[in-house]
Amino acid sequence: LKGHGRPIMPADERARVVAALGVVD
């Protein structure tokens, strides 16, 4: 979707950051 050099962070790290947000169940 985004091209060369993406993602900046791997999926497991992106998921961990998103899961830490209080609005996410």
PDB file of all heavy atoms in Angstrom:
ATOM      1  N   LEU A   1       0.797  -1.224   0.000  1.00  0.00           N
ATOM      2  CA  LEU A   1       0.000   0.000   0.000  1.00  0.00           C
ATOM      3  C   LEU A   1       0.833   1.279   0.000  1.00  0.00           C
ATOM      4  O   LEU A   1       0.490   2.258  -0.650  1.00  0.00           O
ATOM      5  CB  LEU A   1      -0.931   0.027   1.228  1.00  0.00           C
ATOM      6  CG  LEU A   1      -2.038  -1.005   1.285  1.00  0.00           C
ATOM      7  CD1 LEU A   1      -2.693  -1.003   2.661  1.00  0.00           C
ATOM      8  CD2 LEU A   1      -3.074  -0.728   0.206  1.00  0.00           C
ATOM      9  N   LYS A   2       1.934   1.262   0.754  1.00  0.00           N
ATOM     10  CA  LYS A   2       2.683   2.498   1.007  1.00  0.00           C
ATOM     11  C   LYS A   2       4.027   2.575   0.299  1.00  0.00           C
ATOM     12  O   LYS A   2       4.600   3.651   0.213  1.00  0.00           O
ATOM     13  CB  LYS A   2       2.908   2.683   2.518  1.00  0.00           C
ATOM     14  CG  LYS A   2       1.634   2.656   3.343  1.00  0.00           C
ATOM     15  CD  LYS A   2       0.748   3.833   3.018  1.00  0.00           C
ATOM     16  CE  LYS A   2      -0.505   3.818   3.897  1.00  0.00           C
ATOM     17  NZ  LYS A   2      -1.369   4.958   3.664  1.00  0.00           N
ATOM     18  N   GLY A   3       4.552   1.436  -0.165  1.00  0.00           N
ATOM     19  CA  GLY A   3       5.788   1.464  -0.933  1.00  0.00           C
ATOM     20  C   GLY A   3       7.039   1.136  -0.133  1.00  0.00           C
ATOM     21  O   GLY A   3       6.992   0.758   1.042  1.00  0.00           O
ATOM     22  N   HIS A   4       8.166   1.325  -0.808  1.00  0.00           N
ATOM     23  CA  HIS A   4       9.485   0.990  -0.259  1.00  0.00           C
ATOM     24  C   HIS A   4       9.740   1.728   1.057  1.00  0.00           C
ATOM     25  O   HIS A   4       9.394   2.893   1.199  1.00  0.00           O
ATOM     26  CB  HIS A   4      10.578   1.344  -1.281  1.00  0.00           C
ATOM     27  CG  HIS A   4      11.956   1.102  -0.769  1.00  0.00           C
ATOM     28  ND1 HIS A   4      12.460  -0.169  -0.631  1.00  0.00           N
ATOM     29  CD2 HIS A   4      12.913   1.959  -0.338  1.00  0.00           C
ATOM     30  CE1 HIS A   4      13.688  -0.081  -0.140  1.00  0.00           C
ATOM     31  NE2 HIS A   4      13.980   1.192   0.029  1.00  0.00           N
ATOM     32  N   GLY A   5      10.353   1.037   1.987  1.00  0.00           N
ATOM     33  CA  GLY A   5      10.704   1.643   3.267  1.00  0.00           C
ATOM     34  C   GLY A   5       9.587   1.615   4.295  1.00  0.00           C
ATOM     35  O   GLY A   5       9.766   2.096   5.415  1.00  0.00           O
ATOM     36  N   ARG A   6       8.459   1.082   3.933  1.00  0.00           N
ATOM     37  CA  ARG A   6       7.335   1.006   4.857  1.00  0.00           C
ATOM     38  C   ARG A   6       7.001  -0.464   5.076  1.00  0.00           C
ATOM     39  O   ARG A   6       7.201  -1.251   4.181  1.00  0.00           O
ATOM     40  CB  ARG A   6       6.125   1.745   4.282  1.00  0.00           C
ATOM     41  CG  ARG A   6       6.364   3.213   4.009  1.00  0.00           C
ATOM     42  CD  ARG A   6       6.380   4.090   5.227  1.00  0.00           C
ATOM     43  NE  ARG A   6       5.126   4.140   5.951  1.00  0.00           N
ATOM     44  CZ  ARG A   6       4.098   4.913   5.623  1.00  0.00           C
ATOM     45  NH1 ARG A   6       4.158   5.720   4.597  1.00  0.00           N
ATOM     46  NH2 ARG A   6       2.995   4.884   6.351  1.00  0.00           N
ATOM     47  N   PRO A   7       6.562  -0.842   6.208  1.00  0.00           N
ATOM     48  CA  PRO A   7       6.307  -0.012   7.371  1.00  0.00           C
ATOM     49  C   PRO A   7       7.595   0.386   8.091  1.00  0.00           C
ATOM     50  O   PRO A   7       8.635  -0.259   7.921  1.00  0.00           O
ATOM     51  CB  PRO A   7       5.447  -0.913   8.257  1.00  0.00           C
ATOM     52  CG  PRO A   7       5.932  -2.296   7.940  1.00  0.00           C
ATOM     53  CD  PRO A   7       6.258  -2.265   6.468  1.00  0.00           C
ATOM     54  N   ILE A   8       7.493   1.415   8.889  1.00  0.00           N
ATOM     55  CA  ILE A   8       8.610   1.852   9.727  1.00  0.00           C
ATOM     56  C   ILE A   8       8.790   0.861  10.870  1.00  0.00           C
ATOM     57  O   ILE A   8       9.906   0.503  11.220  1.00  0.00           O
ATOM     58  CB  ILE A   8       8.335   3.267  10.306  1.00  0.00           C
ATOM     59  CG1 ILE A   8       8.099   4.281   9.192  1.00  0.00           C
ATOM     60  CG2 ILE A   8       9.450   3.713  11.229  1.00  0.00           C
ATOM     61  CD1 ILE A   8       9.256   4.475   8.248  1.00  0.00           C
ATOM     62  N   MET A   9       7.691   0.445  11.462  1.00  0.00           N
ATOM     63  CA  MET A   9       7.710  -0.521  12.571  1.00  0.00           C
ATOM     64  C   MET A   9       6.998  -1.791  12.129  1.00  0.00           C
ATOM     65  O   MET A   9       6.016  -1.724  11.391  1.00  0.00           O
ATOM     66  CB  MET A   9       6.978   0.047  13.799  1.00  0.00           C
ATOM     67  CG  MET A   9       7.603   1.281  14.382  1.00  0.00           C
ATOM     68  SD  MET A   9       6.825   1.791  15.942  1.00  0.00           S
ATOM     69  CE  MET A   9       5.111   1.964  15.490  1.00  0.00           C
ATOM     70  N   PRO A  10       7.456  -2.954  12.605  1.00  0.00           N
ATOM     71  CA  PRO A  10       6.774  -4.199  12.250  1.00  0.00           C
ATOM     72  C   PRO A  10       5.386  -4.282  12.888  1.00  0.00           C
ATOM     73  O   PRO A  10       5.083  -3.595  13.870  1.00  0.00           O
ATOM     74  CB  PRO A  10       7.704  -5.290  12.787  1.00  0.00           C
ATOM     75  CG  PRO A  10       8.585  -4.630  13.778  1.00  0.00           C
ATOM     76  CD  PRO A  10       8.648  -3.175  13.425  1.00  0.00           C
ATOM     77  N   ALA A  11       4.558  -5.133  12.332  1.00  0.00           N
ATOM     78  CA  ALA A  11       3.154  -5.246  12.744  1.00  0.00           C
ATOM     79  C   ALA A  11       2.991  -5.512  14.232  1.00  0.00           C
ATOM     80  O   ALA A  11       2.098  -4.941  14.867  1.00  0.00           O
ATOM     81  CB  ALA A  11       2.459  -6.332  11.931  1.00  0.00           C
ATOM     82  N   ASP A  12       3.817  -6.370  14.813  1.00  0.00           N
ATOM     83  CA  ASP A  12       3.636  -6.668  16.234  1.00  0.00           C
ATOM     84  C   ASP A  12       3.867  -5.433  17.100  1.00  0.00           C
ATOM     85  O   ASP A  12       3.174  -5.220  18.089  1.00  0.00           O
ATOM     86  CB  ASP A  12       4.514  -7.847  16.680  1.00  0.00           C
ATOM     87  CG  ASP A  12       6.001  -7.602  16.516  1.00  0.00           C
ATOM     88  OD1 ASP A  12       6.407  -6.824  15.626  1.00  0.00           O
ATOM     89  OD2 ASP A  12       6.777  -8.217  17.280  1.00  0.00           O
ATOM     90  N   GLU A  13       4.806  -4.573  16.706  1.00  0.00           N
ATOM     91  CA  GLU A  13       5.048  -3.340  17.453  1.00  0.00           C
ATOM     92  C   GLU A  13       3.922  -2.332  17.227  1.00  0.00           C
ATOM     93  O   GLU A  13       3.486  -1.655  18.165  1.00  0.00           O
ATOM     94  CB  GLU A  13       6.389  -2.726  17.057  1.00  0.00           C
ATOM     95  CG  GLU A  13       7.571  -3.552  17.510  1.00  0.00           C
ATOM     96  CD  GLU A  13       8.904  -2.957  17.088  1.00  0.00           C
ATOM     97  OE1 GLU A  13       8.963  -1.769  16.689  1.00  0.00           O
ATOM     98  OE2 GLU A  13       9.908  -3.705  17.147  1.00  0.00           O
ATOM     99  N   ARG A  14       3.443  -2.227  15.987  1.00  0.00           N
ATOM    100  CA  ARG A  14       2.318  -1.321  15.705  1.00  0.00           C
ATOM    101  C   ARG A  14       1.079  -1.750  16.474  1.00  0.00           C
ATOM    102  O   ARG A  14       0.365  -0.928  17.047  1.00  0.00           O
ATOM    103  CB  ARG A  14       2.050  -1.261  14.195  1.00  0.00           C
ATOM    104  CG  ARG A  14       3.177  -0.573  13.439  1.00  0.00           C
ATOM    105  CD  ARG A  14       2.937  -0.450  11.953  1.00  0.00           C
ATOM    106  NE  ARG A  14       3.178  -1.708  11.267  1.00  0.00           N
ATOM    107  CZ  ARG A  14       2.290  -2.387  10.561  1.00  0.00           C
ATOM    108  NH1 ARG A  14       1.066  -1.928  10.411  1.00  0.00           N
ATOM    109  NH2 ARG A  14       2.601  -3.522   9.968  1.00  0.00           N
ATOM    110  N   ALA A  15       0.845  -3.056  16.534  1.00  0.00           N
ATOM    111  CA  ALA A  15      -0.305  -3.578  17.275  1.00  0.00           C
ATOM    112  C   ALA A  15      -0.155  -3.269  18.766  1.00  0.00           C
ATOM    113  O   ALA A  15      -1.127  -2.889  19.428  1.00  0.00           O
ATOM    114  CB  ALA A  15      -0.453  -5.076  17.046  1.00  0.00           C
ATOM    115  N   ARG A  16       1.030  -3.394  19.284  1.00  0.00           N
ATOM    116  CA  ARG A  16       1.254  -3.124  20.716  1.00  0.00           C
ATOM    117  C   ARG A  16       0.976  -1.668  21.056  1.00  0.00           C
ATOM    118  O   ARG A  16       0.359  -1.366  22.077  1.00  0.00           O
ATOM    119  CB  ARG A  16       2.678  -3.502  21.096  1.00  0.00           C
ATOM    120  CG  ARG A  16       2.930  -3.392  22.570  1.00  0.00           C
ATOM    121  CD  ARG A  16       4.141  -4.187  23.014  1.00  0.00           C
ATOM    122  NE  ARG A  16       4.245  -4.064  24.456  1.00  0.00           N
ATOM    123  CZ  ARG A  16       5.258  -3.473  25.070  1.00  0.00           C
ATOM    124  NH1 ARG A  16       6.253  -2.969  24.370  1.00  0.00           N
ATOM    125  NH2 ARG A  16       5.283  -3.397  26.380  1.00  0.00           N
ATOM    126  N   VAL A  17       1.408  -0.764  20.193  1.00  0.00           N
ATOM    127  CA  VAL A  17       1.165   0.666  20.419  1.00  0.00           C
ATOM    128  C   VAL A  17      -0.336   0.954  20.365  1.00  0.00           C
ATOM    129  O   VAL A  17      -0.879   1.633  21.244  1.00  0.00           O
ATOM    130  CB  VAL A  17       1.944   1.525  19.396  1.00  0.00           C
ATOM    131  CG1 VAL A  17       1.515   2.978  19.460  1.00  0.00           C
ATOM    132  CG2 VAL A  17       3.447   1.401  19.642  1.00  0.00           C
ATOM    133  N   VAL A  18      -1.013   0.456  19.360  1.00  0.00           N
ATOM    134  CA  VAL A  18      -2.457   0.683  19.220  1.00  0.00           C
ATOM    135  C   VAL A  18      -3.203   0.082  20.415  1.00  0.00           C
ATOM    136  O   VAL A  18      -4.110   0.704  20.978  1.00  0.00           O
ATOM    137  CB  VAL A  18      -2.980   0.119  17.882  1.00  0.00           C
ATOM    138  CG1 VAL A  18      -4.493   0.059  17.846  1.00  0.00           C
ATOM    139  CG2 VAL A  18      -2.456   0.962  16.723  1.00  0.00           C
ATOM    140  N   ALA A  19      -2.830  -1.124  20.819  1.00  0.00           N
ATOM    141  CA  ALA A  19      -3.505  -1.796  21.929  1.00  0.00           C
ATOM    142  C   ALA A  19      -3.327  -1.054  23.253  1.00  0.00           C
ATOM    143  O   ALA A  19      -4.149  -1.208  24.158  1.00  0.00           O
ATOM    144  CB  ALA A  19      -2.997  -3.233  22.055  1.00  0.00           C
ATOM    145  N   ALA A  20      -2.301  -0.247  23.356  1.00  0.00           N
ATOM    146  CA  ALA A  20      -2.055   0.503  24.594  1.00  0.00           C
ATOM    147  C   ALA A  20      -2.963   1.721  24.736  1.00  0.00           C
ATOM    148  O   ALA A  20      -3.061   2.290  25.827  1.00  0.00           O
ATOM    149  CB  ALA A  20      -0.589   0.936  24.653  1.00  0.00           C
ATOM    150  N   LEU A  21      -3.626   2.113  23.662  1.00  0.00           N
ATOM    151  CA  LEU A  21      -4.520   3.267  23.724  1.00  0.00           C
ATOM    152  C   LEU A  21      -5.790   2.903  24.485  1.00  0.00           C
ATOM    153  O   LEU A  21      -6.399   1.860  24.228  1.00  0.00           O
ATOM    154  CB  LEU A  21      -4.858   3.753  22.317  1.00  0.00           C
ATOM    155  CG  LEU A  21      -3.662   4.215  21.480  1.00  0.00           C
ATOM    156  CD1 LEU A  21      -4.111   4.534  20.063  1.00  0.00           C
ATOM    157  CD2 LEU A  21      -2.993   5.419  22.119  1.00  0.00           C
ATOM    158  N   GLY A  22      -6.202   3.748  25.370  1.00  0.00           N
ATOM    159  CA  GLY A  22      -7.343   3.466  26.232  1.00  0.00           C
ATOM    160  C   GLY A  22      -8.658   3.246  25.530  1.00  0.00           C
ATOM    161  O   GLY A  22      -9.552   2.614  26.080  1.00  0.00           O
ATOM    162  N   VAL A  23      -8.818   3.745  24.306  1.00  0.00           N
ATOM    163  CA  VAL A  23     -10.095   3.587  23.597  1.00  0.00           C
ATOM    164  C   VAL A  23     -10.206   2.237  22.886  1.00  0.00           C
ATOM    165  O   VAL A  23     -11.279   1.877  22.418  1.00  0.00           O
ATOM    166  CB  VAL A  23     -10.333   4.723  22.565  1.00  0.00           C
ATOM    167  CG1 VAL A  23     -10.417   6.065  23.258  1.00  0.00           C
ATOM    168  CG2 VAL A  23      -9.277   4.716  21.479  1.00  0.00           C
ATOM    169  N   VAL A  24      -9.120   1.489  22.825  1.00  0.00           N
ATOM    170  CA  VAL A  24      -9.083   0.225  22.081  1.00  0.00           C
ATOM    171  C   VAL A  24      -9.363  -0.941  23.027  1.00  0.00           C
ATOM    172  O   VAL A  24      -8.744  -1.060  24.081  1.00  0.00           O
ATOM    173  CB  VAL A  24      -7.716   0.044  21.379  1.00  0.00           C
ATOM    174  CG1 VAL A  24      -7.625  -1.307  20.676  1.00  0.00           C
ATOM    175  CG2 VAL A  24      -7.466   1.188  20.406  1.00  0.00           C
ATOM    176  N   ASP A  25     -10.296  -1.816  22.627  1.00  0.00           N
ATOM    177  CA  ASP A  25     -10.636  -2.984  23.443  1.00  0.00           C
ATOM    178  C   ASP A  25      -9.963  -4.263  22.964  1.00  0.00           C
ATOM    179  O   ASP A  25      -9.667  -5.141  23.771  1.00  0.00           O
ATOM    180  CB  ASP A  25     -12.157  -3.175  23.462  1.00  0.00           C
ATOM    181  CG  ASP A  25     -12.840  -2.009  24.146  1.00  0.00           C
ATOM    182  OD1 ASP A  25     -12.667  -1.859  25.370  1.00  0.00           O
ATOM    183  OD2 ASP A  25     -13.525  -1.233  23.455  1.00  0.00           O
TER     184      ASP A  25
END
